[in-house]
C-alpha atoms as a PDB file:
ATOM      1  CA  UNK A   1      -8.385  81.182 120.878  1.00  0.00           C
ATOM      2  CA  UNK A   2      -7.240  84.005 118.596  1.00  0.00           C
ATOM      3  CA  UNK A   3      -3.873  84.213 120.342  1.00  0.00           C
ATOM      4  CA  UNK A   4      -3.319  80.517 119.745  1.00  0.00           C
ATOM      5  CA  UNK A   5      -4.137  80.878 116.047  1.00  0.00           C
ATOM      6  CA  UNK A   6      -1.828  83.907 115.737  1.00  0.00           C
ATOM      7  CA  UNK A   7       1.007  81.983 117.415  1.00  0.00           C
ATOM      8  CA  UNK A   8       0.551  79.088 115.008  1.00  0.00           C
ATOM      9  CA  UNK A   9       0.499  81.432 112.031  1.00  0.00           C
ATOM     10  CA  UNK A  10       3.704  83.123 113.219  1.00  0.00           C
ATOM     11  CA  UNK A  11       5.353  79.738 113.738  1.00  0.00           C
ATOM     12  CA  UNK A  12       4.287  78.594 110.276  1.00  0.00           C
ATOM     13  CA  UNK A  13       5.621  81.814 108.761  1.00  0.00           C
ATOM     14  CA  UNK A  14       8.952  81.291 110.512  1.00  0.00           C
ATOM     15  CA  UNK A  15       9.167  77.696 109.337  1.00  0.00           C
ATOM     16  CA  UNK A  16       8.282  78.666 105.770  1.00  0.00           C
ATOM     17  CA  UNK A  17      11.093  81.241 105.879  1.00  0.00           C
ATOM     18  CA  UNK A  18      13.522  78.540 107.098  1.00  0.00           C
ATOM     19  CA  UNK A  19      12.403  76.226 104.299  1.00  0.00           C
ATOM     20  CA  UNK A  20      12.904  79.022 101.757  1.00  0.00           C
ATOM     21  CA  UNK A  21      16.464  79.642 102.982  1.00  0.00           C
ATOM     22  CA  UNK A  22      17.183  75.910 102.806  1.00  0.00           C
ATOM     23  CA  UNK A  23      15.798  75.652  99.276  1.00  0.00           C
ATOM     24  CA  UNK A  24      17.911  78.610  98.127  1.00  0.00           C
ATOM     25  CA  UNK A  25      21.052  76.970  99.541  1.00  0.00           C
ATOM     26  CA  UNK A  26      20.137  73.729  97.773  1.00  0.00           C
ATOM     27  CA  UNK A  27      19.637  75.587  94.472  1.00  0.00           C
ATOM     28  CA  UNK A  28      23.097  77.144  94.784  1.00  0.00           C
ATOM     29  CA  UNK A  29      24.599  73.744  95.624  1.00  0.00           C
ATOM     30  CA  UNK A  30      23.053  72.154  92.528  1.00  0.00           C
ATOM     31  CA  UNK A  31      24.117  75.090  90.342  1.00  0.00           C
ATOM     32  CA  UNK A  32      27.757  74.784  91.425  1.00  0.00           C
ATOM     33  CA  UNK A  33      27.607  70.995  91.043  1.00  0.00           C
ATOM     34  CA  UNK A  34      26.401  71.492  87.452  1.00  0.00           C
ATOM     35  CA  UNK A  35      29.104  74.063  86.708  1.00  0.00           C
ATOM     36  CA  UNK A  36      31.881  71.868  88.115  1.00  0.00           C
ATOM     37  CA  UNK A  37      30.564  68.780  86.311  1.00  0.00           C
ATOM     38  CA  UNK A  38      30.497  70.658  83.009  1.00  0.00           C
ATOM     39  CA  UNK A  39      34.012  71.930  83.618  1.00  0.00           C
ATOM     40  CA  UNK A  40      35.309  68.387  84.151  1.00  0.00           C
ATOM     41  CA  UNK A  41      33.473  66.943  81.138  1.00  0.00           C
ATOM     42  CA  UNK A  42      33.140  69.665  78.499  1.00  0.00           C
ATOM     43  CA  UNK A  43      36.544  71.338  78.865  1.00  0.00           C
ATOM     44  CA  UNK A  44      38.514  68.099  78.326  1.00  0.00           C
ATOM     45  CA  UNK A  45      36.388  67.319  75.252  1.00  0.00           C
ATOM     46  CA  UNK A  46      37.134  70.771  73.831  1.00  0.00           C
ATOM     47  CA  UNK A  47      40.811  70.219  74.583  1.00  0.00           C
ATOM     48  CA  UNK A  48      40.754  66.893  72.751  1.00  0.00           C
ATOM     49  CA  UNK A  49      39.315  68.581  69.675  1.00  0.00           C
ATOM     50  CA  UNK A  50      42.565  70.563  69.424  1.00  0.00           C
ATOM     51  CA  UNK A  51      45.011  67.897  70.647  1.00  0.00           C
ATOM     52  CA  UNK A  52      43.894  64.939  68.477  1.00  0.00           C
ATOM     53  CA  UNK A  53      44.717  66.655  65.135  1.00  0.00           C
ATOM     54  CA  UNK A  54      48.167  67.627  66.437  1.00  0.00           C
ATOM     55  CA  UNK A  55      48.729  64.060  67.597  1.00  0.00           C
ATOM     56  CA  UNK A  56      47.691  62.692  64.203  1.00  0.00           C
ATOM     57  CA  UNK A  57      50.042  65.122  62.450  1.00  0.00           C
ATOM     58  CA  UNK A  58      52.861  63.937  64.698  1.00  0.00           C
ATOM     59  CA  UNK A  59      52.086  60.317  63.834  1.00  0.00           C
ATOM     60  CA  UNK A  60      52.026  61.130  60.096  1.00  0.00           C
ATOM     61  CA  UNK A  61      55.378  62.888  60.325  1.00  0.00           C
ATOM     62  CA  UNK A  62      56.877  60.003  62.302  1.00  0.00           C
ATOM     63  CA  UNK A  63      55.663  57.450  59.748  1.00  0.00           C
ATOM     64  CA  UNK A  64      57.036  59.591  56.917  1.00  0.00           C
ATOM     65  CA  UNK A  65      60.461  59.571  58.527  1.00  0.00           C
ATOM     66  CA  UNK A  66      60.456  55.792  58.736  1.00  0.00           C
ATOM     67  CA  UNK A  67      60.232  55.658  62.508  1.00  0.00           C
END
């Protein structure tokens, strides 16, 4: 009876370890998904903050030249 209980406890410990490894991989996956998503959303917005004023200046200069 004790051997059976010990075997089950060992098996549960092994399975818990496997679940822990799986959860850690999932955490890393979500972290990199967040980082990549931010890179594709936030970086273009920051770029637009600098490009839009230059574009408007170009339009003002073009209208001043009568183009």
